[in-house]
N, C-alpha and C. Protein backbone atom coordinates (compact mmCIF):
# COMPACT_ATOMS: atom_id res chain seq x y z
N UNK A 1 -6.06 -39.46 26.22
CA UNK A 1 -5.61 -39.14 27.53
C UNK A 1 -6.60 -39.59 28.56
N UNK A 2 -6.12 -40.18 29.63
CA UNK A 2 -6.99 -40.59 30.71
C UNK A 2 -7.56 -39.38 31.41
N UNK A 3 -8.83 -39.48 31.82
CA UNK A 3 -9.49 -38.36 32.49
C UNK A 3 -9.45 -38.60 33.99
N UNK A 4 -8.69 -39.54 34.44
CA UNK A 4 -8.55 -39.81 35.86
C UNK A 4 -7.08 -39.62 36.28
N UNK A 5 -6.85 -39.54 37.58
CA UNK A 5 -5.48 -39.46 38.08
C UNK A 5 -4.79 -40.74 37.67
N UNK A 6 -3.57 -40.63 37.25
CA UNK A 6 -2.74 -41.83 36.92
C UNK A 6 -1.41 -41.74 37.65
N UNK A 7 -0.76 -42.89 37.77
CA UNK A 7 0.50 -42.97 38.44
C UNK A 7 1.50 -43.57 37.44
N UNK A 8 2.59 -42.91 37.22
CA UNK A 8 3.57 -43.42 36.24
C UNK A 8 4.46 -44.49 36.95
N UNK A 9 5.10 -45.29 36.17
CA UNK A 9 5.99 -46.32 36.62
C UNK A 9 7.18 -45.65 37.41
N UNK A 10 7.58 -44.49 37.04
CA UNK A 10 8.69 -43.83 37.69
C UNK A 10 8.24 -43.28 39.08
N UNK A 11 6.97 -43.16 39.29
CA UNK A 11 6.43 -42.65 40.58
C UNK A 11 6.11 -43.75 41.61
N UNK A 12 6.00 -45.00 41.13
CA UNK A 12 5.56 -46.05 41.99
C UNK A 12 6.28 -47.37 41.64
N UNK A 13 6.92 -47.93 42.65
CA UNK A 13 7.57 -49.25 42.46
C UNK A 13 6.48 -50.29 42.15
N UNK A 14 5.32 -50.18 42.78
CA UNK A 14 4.28 -51.16 42.62
C UNK A 14 3.72 -51.15 41.19
N UNK A 15 3.58 -49.96 40.62
CA UNK A 15 3.13 -49.87 39.22
C UNK A 15 4.18 -50.40 38.27
N UNK A 16 5.47 -50.02 38.50
CA UNK A 16 6.55 -50.52 37.68
C UNK A 16 6.64 -52.05 37.72
N UNK A 17 6.53 -52.64 38.90
CA UNK A 17 6.58 -54.07 39.02
C UNK A 17 5.38 -54.77 38.32
N UNK A 18 4.21 -54.18 38.41
CA UNK A 18 3.01 -54.69 37.74
C UNK A 18 3.21 -54.66 36.22
N UNK A 19 3.79 -53.57 35.72
CA UNK A 19 4.04 -53.47 34.28
C UNK A 19 5.06 -54.49 33.83
N UNK A 20 6.09 -54.60 34.58
CA UNK A 20 7.19 -55.59 34.20
C UNK A 20 6.68 -57.02 34.33
N UNK A 21 5.84 -57.31 35.26
CA UNK A 21 5.38 -58.69 35.49
C UNK A 21 4.60 -59.22 34.28
N UNK A 22 3.80 -58.40 33.64
CA UNK A 22 2.97 -58.89 32.54
C UNK A 22 3.62 -58.87 31.19
N UNK A 23 4.66 -58.08 30.99
CA UNK A 23 5.30 -57.95 29.70
C UNK A 23 5.86 -59.27 29.11
N UNK A 24 6.45 -60.12 29.92
CA UNK A 24 6.98 -61.40 29.29
C UNK A 24 5.88 -62.29 28.72
N UNK A 25 4.64 -62.10 29.06
CA UNK A 25 3.57 -62.91 28.52
C UNK A 25 3.16 -62.54 27.10
N UNK A 26 3.56 -61.32 26.67
CA UNK A 26 3.16 -60.87 25.34
C UNK A 26 4.03 -61.53 24.28
N UNK A 27 3.42 -61.84 23.12
CA UNK A 27 4.18 -62.44 22.02
C UNK A 27 5.26 -61.53 21.46
N UNK A 28 6.21 -62.09 20.80
CA UNK A 28 7.33 -61.34 20.25
C UNK A 28 6.86 -60.22 19.26
N UNK A 29 5.66 -60.44 18.68
CA UNK A 29 5.16 -59.42 17.73
C UNK A 29 4.90 -58.10 18.41
N UNK A 30 4.71 -58.10 19.74
CA UNK A 30 4.55 -56.89 20.49
C UNK A 30 5.92 -56.52 21.03
N UNK A 31 6.84 -56.23 20.07
CA UNK A 31 8.21 -56.01 20.42
C UNK A 31 8.38 -54.86 21.44
N UNK A 32 9.53 -54.93 22.09
CA UNK A 32 9.86 -53.92 23.10
C UNK A 32 10.12 -54.63 24.39
N UNK A 33 11.17 -54.20 25.04
CA UNK A 33 11.52 -54.80 26.31
C UNK A 33 10.62 -54.28 27.38
N UNK A 34 10.49 -55.05 28.51
CA UNK A 34 9.74 -54.53 29.62
C UNK A 34 10.32 -53.17 30.12
N UNK A 35 11.58 -53.06 30.05
CA UNK A 35 12.21 -51.82 30.51
C UNK A 35 11.77 -50.64 29.62
N UNK A 36 11.69 -50.82 28.33
CA UNK A 36 11.26 -49.69 27.47
C UNK A 36 9.82 -49.36 27.71
N UNK A 37 9.01 -50.34 28.01
CA UNK A 37 7.59 -50.07 28.31
C UNK A 37 7.46 -49.23 29.60
N UNK A 38 8.35 -49.50 30.55
CA UNK A 38 8.25 -48.76 31.80
C UNK A 38 8.86 -47.35 31.67
N UNK A 39 9.77 -47.13 30.74
CA UNK A 39 10.41 -45.85 30.60
C UNK A 39 9.73 -44.92 29.63
N UNK A 40 8.51 -45.15 29.26
CA UNK A 40 7.77 -44.25 28.38
C UNK A 40 7.69 -42.88 29.06
N UNK A 41 7.82 -41.84 28.23
CA UNK A 41 7.62 -40.49 28.80
C UNK A 41 6.26 -40.37 29.38
N UNK A 42 6.11 -39.52 30.43
CA UNK A 42 4.87 -39.39 31.14
C UNK A 42 3.73 -39.01 30.20
N UNK A 43 4.02 -38.16 29.24
CA UNK A 43 2.92 -37.71 28.30
C UNK A 43 2.42 -38.89 27.55
N UNK A 44 3.31 -39.82 27.15
CA UNK A 44 2.85 -41.02 26.38
C UNK A 44 2.10 -41.94 27.31
N UNK A 45 2.63 -42.19 28.49
CA UNK A 45 1.98 -43.06 29.46
C UNK A 45 0.57 -42.58 29.81
N UNK A 46 0.48 -41.23 29.98
CA UNK A 46 -0.84 -40.67 30.33
C UNK A 46 -1.91 -40.96 29.26
N UNK A 47 -1.49 -41.12 27.96
CA UNK A 47 -2.44 -41.37 26.91
C UNK A 47 -2.71 -42.86 26.75
N UNK A 48 -2.01 -43.65 27.47
CA UNK A 48 -2.10 -45.12 27.33
C UNK A 48 -3.24 -45.71 28.11
N UNK A 49 -3.85 -46.74 27.58
CA UNK A 49 -4.88 -47.48 28.33
C UNK A 49 -4.28 -48.07 29.58
N UNK A 50 -2.98 -48.35 29.53
CA UNK A 50 -2.31 -48.92 30.73
C UNK A 50 -2.37 -47.88 31.89
N UNK A 51 -2.19 -46.64 31.59
CA UNK A 51 -2.19 -45.58 32.59
C UNK A 51 -3.49 -45.58 33.38
N UNK A 52 -4.60 -45.88 32.73
CA UNK A 52 -5.88 -45.82 33.40
C UNK A 52 -6.02 -46.92 34.43
N UNK A 53 -5.15 -47.91 34.41
CA UNK A 53 -5.15 -48.96 35.43
C UNK A 53 -4.14 -48.75 36.54
N UNK A 54 -3.43 -47.66 36.49
CA UNK A 54 -2.29 -47.47 37.38
C UNK A 54 -2.63 -47.24 38.86
N UNK A 55 -3.90 -46.87 39.13
CA UNK A 55 -4.28 -46.65 40.52
C UNK A 55 -4.49 -47.99 41.25
N UNK A 56 -4.65 -49.05 40.53
CA UNK A 56 -4.78 -50.40 41.17
C UNK A 56 -3.74 -51.31 40.47
N UNK A 57 -2.49 -51.23 40.89
CA UNK A 57 -1.44 -52.00 40.19
C UNK A 57 -1.71 -53.49 40.12
N UNK A 58 -2.35 -54.05 41.13
CA UNK A 58 -2.66 -55.49 41.08
C UNK A 58 -3.63 -55.80 39.95
N UNK A 59 -4.58 -54.94 39.73
CA UNK A 59 -5.55 -55.09 38.62
C UNK A 59 -4.86 -54.91 37.32
N UNK A 60 -3.90 -53.95 37.22
CA UNK A 60 -3.14 -53.70 36.04
C UNK A 60 -2.42 -54.97 35.64
N UNK A 61 -1.72 -55.56 36.60
CA UNK A 61 -0.95 -56.76 36.36
C UNK A 61 -1.83 -57.91 35.86
N UNK A 62 -2.96 -58.15 36.49
CA UNK A 62 -3.82 -59.28 36.08
C UNK A 62 -4.54 -59.00 34.77
N UNK A 63 -5.04 -57.77 34.61
CA UNK A 63 -5.74 -57.47 33.34
C UNK A 63 -4.83 -57.62 32.09
N UNK A 64 -3.66 -57.08 32.17
CA UNK A 64 -2.79 -57.13 31.00
C UNK A 64 -2.04 -58.45 30.90
N UNK A 65 -1.91 -59.17 32.02
CA UNK A 65 -1.40 -60.55 31.92
C UNK A 65 -2.41 -61.43 31.21
N UNK A 66 -3.69 -61.19 31.50
CA UNK A 66 -4.73 -61.98 30.83
C UNK A 66 -4.66 -61.76 29.32
N UNK A 67 -4.50 -60.47 28.91
CA UNK A 67 -4.42 -60.19 27.50
C UNK A 67 -3.20 -60.88 26.89
N UNK A 68 -2.09 -60.84 27.62
CA UNK A 68 -0.88 -61.48 27.11
C UNK A 68 -1.08 -62.98 26.93
N UNK A 69 -1.77 -63.63 27.87
CA UNK A 69 -2.00 -65.05 27.75
C UNK A 69 -2.95 -65.35 26.60
N UNK A 70 -3.91 -64.49 26.37
CA UNK A 70 -4.86 -64.72 25.26
C UNK A 70 -4.20 -64.55 23.91
N UNK A 71 -3.11 -63.75 23.85
CA UNK A 71 -2.40 -63.56 22.60
C UNK A 71 -1.27 -64.58 22.35
N UNK A 72 -1.25 -65.58 23.21
CA UNK A 72 -0.19 -66.62 23.08
C UNK A 72 -0.21 -67.18 21.65
N UNK A 73 0.93 -67.16 20.94
CA UNK A 73 0.98 -67.64 19.55
C UNK A 73 0.71 -69.08 19.39
N UNK A 74 0.71 -69.88 20.49
CA UNK A 74 0.44 -71.28 20.41
C UNK A 74 -1.06 -71.61 20.43
N UNK A 75 -1.94 -70.59 20.64
CA UNK A 75 -3.38 -70.74 20.58
C UNK A 75 -3.79 -70.81 19.15
N UNK A 76 -4.98 -71.30 18.83
CA UNK A 76 -5.42 -71.54 17.46
C UNK A 76 -5.59 -70.28 16.57
N UNK A 77 -5.86 -69.12 17.16
CA UNK A 77 -6.01 -67.95 16.34
C UNK A 77 -4.68 -67.27 16.07
N UNK A 78 -4.52 -66.76 14.85
CA UNK A 78 -3.30 -66.01 14.52
C UNK A 78 -3.43 -64.57 15.03
N UNK A 79 -2.31 -63.88 15.03
CA UNK A 79 -2.33 -62.46 15.44
C UNK A 79 -3.25 -61.71 14.50
N UNK A 80 -3.23 -62.04 13.23
CA UNK A 80 -4.06 -61.37 12.24
C UNK A 80 -5.51 -61.53 12.58
N UNK A 81 -5.92 -62.75 12.98
CA UNK A 81 -7.30 -62.98 13.34
C UNK A 81 -7.70 -62.24 14.64
N UNK A 82 -6.76 -62.19 15.63
CA UNK A 82 -7.02 -61.42 16.83
C UNK A 82 -7.27 -59.95 16.46
N UNK A 83 -6.43 -59.38 15.61
CA UNK A 83 -6.52 -57.98 15.24
C UNK A 83 -7.84 -57.74 14.48
N UNK A 84 -8.26 -58.67 13.63
CA UNK A 84 -9.51 -58.55 12.90
C UNK A 84 -10.68 -58.54 13.86
N UNK A 85 -10.68 -59.45 14.84
CA UNK A 85 -11.74 -59.48 15.81
C UNK A 85 -11.76 -58.19 16.63
N UNK A 86 -10.62 -57.72 17.11
CA UNK A 86 -10.50 -56.50 17.87
C UNK A 86 -11.02 -55.29 17.08
N UNK A 87 -10.63 -55.19 15.81
CA UNK A 87 -11.08 -54.08 14.94
C UNK A 87 -12.59 -54.12 14.70
N UNK A 88 -13.10 -55.29 14.53
CA UNK A 88 -14.55 -55.45 14.30
C UNK A 88 -15.35 -55.08 15.58
N UNK A 89 -14.89 -55.56 16.73
CA UNK A 89 -15.60 -55.25 17.98
C UNK A 89 -15.50 -53.70 18.22
N UNK A 90 -14.32 -53.13 18.04
CA UNK A 90 -14.15 -51.69 18.24
C UNK A 90 -15.10 -50.93 17.30
N UNK A 91 -15.16 -51.34 16.10
CA UNK A 91 -16.05 -50.67 15.11
C UNK A 91 -17.52 -50.76 15.52
N UNK A 92 -17.92 -51.98 15.89
CA UNK A 92 -19.31 -52.15 16.33
C UNK A 92 -19.67 -51.37 17.57
N UNK A 93 -18.63 -51.16 18.43
CA UNK A 93 -18.84 -50.38 19.62
C UNK A 93 -18.57 -48.87 19.45
N UNK A 94 -18.33 -48.47 18.20
CA UNK A 94 -17.97 -47.05 17.89
C UNK A 94 -16.80 -46.54 18.75
N UNK A 95 -15.82 -47.44 18.95
CA UNK A 95 -14.69 -47.07 19.73
C UNK A 95 -13.62 -46.44 18.88
N UNK A 96 -13.09 -45.34 19.31
CA UNK A 96 -12.13 -44.59 18.53
C UNK A 96 -10.70 -45.16 18.48
N UNK A 97 -10.38 -46.04 19.38
CA UNK A 97 -9.06 -46.65 19.42
C UNK A 97 -9.09 -48.08 19.12
């Protein structure tokens, strides 16, 4: 759960548009339509890393669009390799998620 104030997509058109703008960049392996991502219950959204970016929707759009572009399946690393790198970095940083 985020320890800061967050804004849900249902509370702000700007947050909803930022969330929708970045979703098409994600590979098919991250299934789910942009609409379903925006309609998450508030309790789920509050626990999401995305929610912590909701106070600055422009930053939310750019940060998660960057991630989507980096996960492009046409790049040399496979999703499995991306996940391995992410898990290793999280472990080295003692990150719980």
